[in-house]
Amino acid sequence: MSKEIAEKIYSAFDEMSQRNTRPRRLIAERLVELANNGNDFTTDDLWQELRAIDPKIGRATVFRSIEKMVDKRLLDRIEFADGTHHYRVCGGSHHHHLTCTQCHRVVEVDLCLPADQIHAIGDQANFEIEGHSLALFGRCEACRS
């Protein structure tokens, strides 16, 4: 993951609050690690990992921080076919995810519907499309064998 993503994460935390608290630093540092490794995570797993470092870190602090990172488009919320979801630091460029229905493997794909099809959908329903997400589910190669 690029140094630019790490800077964006730290900058976003600076913008969220005037106070540079230990919990916020721990969350930001862990997000940078996850970004560097390309790992996705649940907010609950992240909270439990951080509690091992700082038992006083609040669940609400972690959950609010993650939601703010999603709002700033620094984290993607990845939906699974079973209704669960994970988060991943993806870097901000437009893309979608394939998710395995069996092992929950996540693969980023730089494929999208053509803009004219998206506009046609909006025109047909008399909507001005402001954004979209495309959820693709299936079984990865390892789970099929």
C-alpha atoms as a PDB file:
ATOM      1  CA  MET A   1       0.000   0.000   0.000  1.00  0.00           C
ATOM      2  CA  SER A   2       1.315   3.398  -0.805  1.00  0.00           C
ATOM      3  CA  LYS A   3       2.652   5.974   1.615  1.00  0.00           C
ATOM      4  CA  GLU A   4      -0.111   8.229   0.250  1.00  0.00           C
ATOM      5  CA  ILE A   5      -2.826   5.979   1.757  1.00  0.00           C
ATOM      6  CA  ALA A   6      -1.120   6.056   5.165  1.00  0.00           C
ATOM      7  CA  GLU A   7      -0.948   9.854   4.986  1.00  0.00           C
ATOM      8  CA  LYS A   8      -4.646  10.021   4.056  1.00  0.00           C
ATOM      9  CA  ILE A   9      -5.584   7.832   7.019  1.00  0.00           C
ATOM     10  CA  TYR A  10      -3.555   9.896   9.493  1.00  0.00           C
ATOM     11  CA  SER A  11      -4.858  13.121   7.955  1.00  0.00           C
ATOM     12  CA  ALA A  12      -8.470  11.934   8.217  1.00  0.00           C
ATOM     13  CA  PHE A  13      -7.984  11.205  11.918  1.00  0.00           C
ATOM     14  CA  ASP A  14      -6.458  14.664  12.392  1.00  0.00           C
ATOM     15  CA  GLU A  15      -9.516  16.230  10.719  1.00  0.00           C
ATOM     16  CA  MET A  16     -11.958  14.212  12.852  1.00  0.00           C
ATOM     17  CA  SER A  17     -10.776  15.707  16.117  1.00  0.00           C
ATOM     18  CA  GLN A  18      -8.477  18.315  17.541  1.00  0.00           C
ATOM     19  CA  ARG A  19      -7.318  15.788  20.116  1.00  0.00           C
ATOM     20  CA  ASN A  20      -4.711  13.251  19.067  1.00  0.00           C
ATOM     21  CA  THR A  21      -5.664  10.602  21.625  1.00  0.00           C
ATOM     22  CA  ARG A  22      -3.979   7.244  22.104  1.00  0.00           C
ATOM     23  CA  PRO A  23      -7.076   5.294  20.942  1.00  0.00           C
ATOM     24  CA  ARG A  24      -7.238   7.283  17.699  1.00  0.00           C
ATOM     25  CA  ARG A  25      -3.508   6.770  17.092  1.00  0.00           C
ATOM     26  CA  LEU A  26      -3.889   3.025  17.716  1.00  0.00           C
ATOM     27  CA  ILE A  27      -6.817   2.778  15.314  1.00  0.00           C
ATOM     28  CA  ALA A  28      -4.995   4.754  12.622  1.00  0.00           C
ATOM     29  CA  GLU A  29      -1.808   2.687  13.032  1.00  0.00           C
ATOM     30  CA  ARG A  30      -3.742  -0.584  12.775  1.00  0.00           C
ATOM     31  CA  LEU A  31      -5.619   0.613   9.677  1.00  0.00           C
ATOM     32  CA  VAL A  32      -2.301   1.444   8.031  1.00  0.00           C
ATOM     33  CA  GLU A  33      -1.027  -2.067   8.884  1.00  0.00           C
ATOM     34  CA  LEU A  34      -4.182  -3.639   7.462  1.00  0.00           C
ATOM     35  CA  ALA A  35      -3.840  -1.512   4.321  1.00  0.00           C
ATOM     36  CA  ASN A  36      -0.217  -2.568   3.879  1.00  0.00           C
ATOM     37  CA  ASN A  37      -1.206  -6.234   4.205  1.00  0.00           C
ATOM     38  CA  GLY A  38      -4.329  -5.924   2.036  1.00  0.00           C
ATOM     39  CA  ASN A  39      -6.436  -7.513   4.771  1.00  0.00           C
ATOM     40  CA  ASP A  40     -10.123  -6.951   5.375  1.00  0.00           C
ATOM     41  CA  PHE A  41     -11.613  -6.920   8.867  1.00  0.00           C
ATOM     42  CA  THR A  42     -14.743  -6.579  10.936  1.00  0.00           C
ATOM     43  CA  THR A  43     -15.113  -3.715  13.373  1.00  0.00           C
ATOM     44  CA  ASP A  44     -15.547  -6.187  16.210  1.00  0.00           C
ATOM     45  CA  ASP A  45     -12.312  -8.024  15.328  1.00  0.00           C
ATOM     46  CA  LEU A  46     -10.487  -4.689  15.112  1.00  0.00           C
ATOM     47  CA  TRP A  47     -11.842  -3.644  18.502  1.00  0.00           C
ATOM     48  CA  GLN A  48     -10.736  -6.946  20.086  1.00  0.00           C
ATOM     49  CA  GLU A  49      -7.226  -6.604  18.578  1.00  0.00           C
ATOM     50  CA  LEU A  50      -6.915  -3.058  19.902  1.00  0.00           C
ATOM     51  CA  ARG A  51      -8.189  -4.058  23.343  1.00  0.00           C
ATOM     52  CA  ALA A  52      -5.250  -6.458  23.602  1.00  0.00           C
ATOM     53  CA  ILE A  53      -3.001  -3.375  23.320  1.00  0.00           C
ATOM     54  CA  ASP A  54      -5.168  -0.944  25.291  1.00  0.00           C
ATOM     55  CA  PRO A  55      -7.915  -2.611  27.376  1.00  0.00           C
ATOM     56  CA  LYS A  56      -9.636   0.753  27.942  1.00  0.00           C
ATOM     57  CA  ILE A  57     -10.275   1.495  24.251  1.00  0.00           C
ATOM     58  CA  GLY A  58     -13.989   1.969  23.746  1.00  0.00           C
ATOM     59  CA  ARG A  59     -16.035  -0.070  21.309  1.00  0.00           C
ATOM     60  CA  ALA A  60     -17.949   3.063  20.272  1.00  0.00           C
ATOM     61  CA  THR A  61     -14.690   4.899  19.525  1.00  0.00           C
ATOM     62  CA  VAL A  62     -13.594   2.140  17.159  1.00  0.00           C
ATOM     63  CA  PHE A  63     -17.002   1.842  15.463  1.00  0.00           C
ATOM     64  CA  ARG A  64     -17.385   5.623  15.014  1.00  0.00           C
ATOM     65  CA  SER A  65     -13.872   5.892  13.607  1.00  0.00           C
ATOM     66  CA  ILE A  66     -14.538   3.158  11.060  1.00  0.00           C
ATOM     67  CA  GLU A  67     -17.796   4.766   9.940  1.00  0.00           C
ATOM     68  CA  LYS A  68     -16.047   8.111   9.504  1.00  0.00           C
ATOM     69  CA  MET A  69     -13.346   6.437   7.396  1.00  0.00           C
ATOM     70  CA  VAL A  70     -16.097   4.911   5.225  1.00  0.00           C
ATOM     71  CA  ASP A  71     -17.743   8.341   4.877  1.00  0.00           C
ATOM     72  CA  LYS A  72     -14.390   9.771   3.767  1.00  0.00           C
ATOM     73  CA  ARG A  73     -14.092   6.880   1.266  1.00  0.00           C
ATOM     74  CA  LEU A  74     -10.870   5.637   2.796  1.00  0.00           C
ATOM     75  CA  LEU A  75     -12.486   2.325   3.738  1.00  0.00           C
ATOM     76  CA  ASP A  76     -14.775   0.181   1.629  1.00  0.00           C
ATOM     77  CA  ARG A  77     -17.617  -1.738   3.249  1.00  0.00           C
ATOM     78  CA  ILE A  78     -17.686  -5.162   1.597  1.00  0.00           C
ATOM     79  CA  GLU A  79     -21.004  -7.005   1.704  1.00  0.00           C
ATOM     80  CA  PHE A  80     -21.196 -10.808   1.697  1.00  0.00           C
ATOM     81  CA  ALA A  81     -24.028 -12.945   0.364  1.00  0.00           C
ATOM     82  CA  ASP A  82     -24.908 -14.071   3.906  1.00  0.00           C
ATOM     83  CA  GLY A  83     -25.594 -10.482   5.018  1.00  0.00           C
ATOM     84  CA  THR A  84     -22.347  -9.982   6.943  1.00  0.00           C
ATOM     85  CA  HIS A  85     -19.777  -7.383   5.988  1.00  0.00           C
ATOM     86  CA  HIS A  86     -16.102  -6.524   6.350  1.00  0.00           C
ATOM     87  CA  TYR A  87     -14.088  -3.378   5.778  1.00  0.00           C
ATOM     88  CA  ARG A  88     -10.981  -2.901   3.670  1.00  0.00           C
ATOM     89  CA  VAL A  89      -8.620  -0.019   2.985  1.00  0.00           C
ATOM     90  CA  CYS A  90      -8.739   0.110  -0.802  1.00  0.00           C
ATOM     91  CA  GLY A  91      -7.190   3.417  -1.761  1.00  0.00           C
ATOM     92  CA  GLY A  92     -10.087   5.393  -3.136  1.00  0.00           C
ATOM     93  CA  SER A  93     -10.113   4.439  -6.825  1.00  0.00           C
ATOM     94  CA  HIS A  94     -13.443   3.195  -8.186  1.00  0.00           C
ATOM     95  CA  HIS A  95     -13.663  -0.588  -8.207  1.00  0.00           C
ATOM     96  CA  HIS A  96     -15.855  -3.438  -7.016  1.00  0.00           C
ATOM     97  CA  HIS A  97     -15.334  -6.657  -5.097  1.00  0.00           C
ATOM     98  CA  LEU A  98     -15.945 -10.336  -5.738  1.00  0.00           C
ATOM     99  CA  THR A  99     -16.656 -12.223  -2.531  1.00  0.00           C
ATOM    100  CA  CYS A 100     -16.574 -15.967  -1.996  1.00  0.00           C
ATOM    101  CA  THR A 101     -19.787 -17.335  -0.495  1.00  0.00           C
ATOM    102  CA  GLN A 102     -17.865 -20.156   1.156  1.00  0.00           C
ATOM    103  CA  CYS A 103     -14.585 -18.781   2.575  1.00  0.00           C
ATOM    104  CA  HIS A 104     -15.298 -15.003   2.395  1.00  0.00           C
ATOM    105  CA  ARG A 105     -12.253 -14.357   0.216  1.00  0.00           C
ATOM    106  CA  VAL A 106     -12.351 -10.838  -1.260  1.00  0.00           C
ATOM    107  CA  VAL A 107     -10.947  -9.941  -4.671  1.00  0.00           C
ATOM    108  CA  GLU A 108     -10.853  -6.384  -6.033  1.00  0.00           C
ATOM    109  CA  VAL A 109     -11.911  -5.996  -9.665  1.00  0.00           C
ATOM    110  CA  ASP A 110     -11.460  -2.930 -11.850  1.00  0.00           C
ATOM    111  CA  LEU A 111     -14.571  -3.712 -13.839  1.00  0.00           C
ATOM    112  CA  CYS A 112     -17.783  -1.724 -13.862  1.00  0.00           C
ATOM    113  CA  LEU A 113     -20.969  -1.218 -15.802  1.00  0.00           C
ATOM    114  CA  PRO A 114     -20.504   1.231 -18.660  1.00  0.00           C
ATOM    115  CA  ALA A 115     -21.531   4.805 -17.778  1.00  0.00           C
ATOM    116  CA  ASP A 116     -24.198   4.843 -20.509  1.00  0.00           C
ATOM    117  CA  GLN A 117     -25.901   1.801 -18.917  1.00  0.00           C
ATOM    118  CA  ILE A 118     -25.883   3.456 -15.504  1.00  0.00           C
ATOM    119  CA  HIS A 119     -27.371   6.642 -16.997  1.00  0.00           C
ATOM    120  CA  ALA A 120     -29.991   4.582 -18.874  1.00  0.00           C
ATOM    121  CA  ILE A 121     -31.042   2.942 -15.600  1.00  0.00           C
ATOM    122  CA  GLY A 122     -31.380   6.366 -13.995  1.00  0.00           C
ATOM    123  CA  ASP A 123     -33.345   7.714 -16.956  1.00  0.00           C
ATOM    124  CA  GLN A 124     -35.672   4.698 -16.973  1.00  0.00           C
ATOM    125  CA  ALA A 125     -36.503   5.165 -13.279  1.00  0.00           C
ATOM    126  CA  ASN A 126     -36.392   8.985 -13.435  1.00  0.00           C
ATOM    127  CA  PHE A 127     -33.440   9.058 -11.012  1.00  0.00           C
ATOM    128  CA  GLU A 128     -30.294  11.121 -11.049  1.00  0.00           C
ATOM    129  CA  ILE A 129     -27.691   8.492 -10.212  1.00  0.00           C
ATOM    130  CA  GLU A 130     -25.157   9.820  -7.685  1.00  0.00           C
ATOM    131  CA  GLY A 131     -23.180   6.639  -7.133  1.00  0.00           C
ATOM    132  CA  HIS A 132     -23.431   2.885  -7.115  1.00  0.00           C
ATOM    133  CA  SER A 133     -22.053  -0.311  -5.674  1.00  0.00           C
ATOM    134  CA  LEU A 134     -22.036  -3.639  -7.403  1.00  0.00           C
ATOM    135  CA  ALA A 135     -22.102  -6.791  -5.288  1.00  0.00           C
ATOM    136  CA  LEU A 136     -20.757  -9.938  -6.945  1.00  0.00           C
ATOM    137  CA  PHE A 137     -20.897 -13.261  -5.083  1.00  0.00           C
ATOM    138  CA  GLY A 138     -19.573 -16.674  -6.017  1.00  0.00           C
ATOM    139  CA  ARG A 139     -17.135 -19.389  -5.019  1.00  0.00           C
ATOM    140  CA  CYS A 140     -13.387 -18.902  -5.453  1.00  0.00           C
ATOM    141  CA  GLU A 141     -11.183 -21.446  -7.191  1.00  0.00           C
ATOM    142  CA  ALA A 142      -9.965 -22.998  -3.924  1.00  0.00           C
ATOM    143  CA  CYS A 143     -13.530 -23.530  -2.664  1.00  0.00           C
ATOM    144  CA  ARG A 144     -14.681 -25.076  -5.955  1.00  0.00           C
ATOM    145  CA  SER A 145     -12.003 -27.772  -5.894  1.00  0.00           C
END
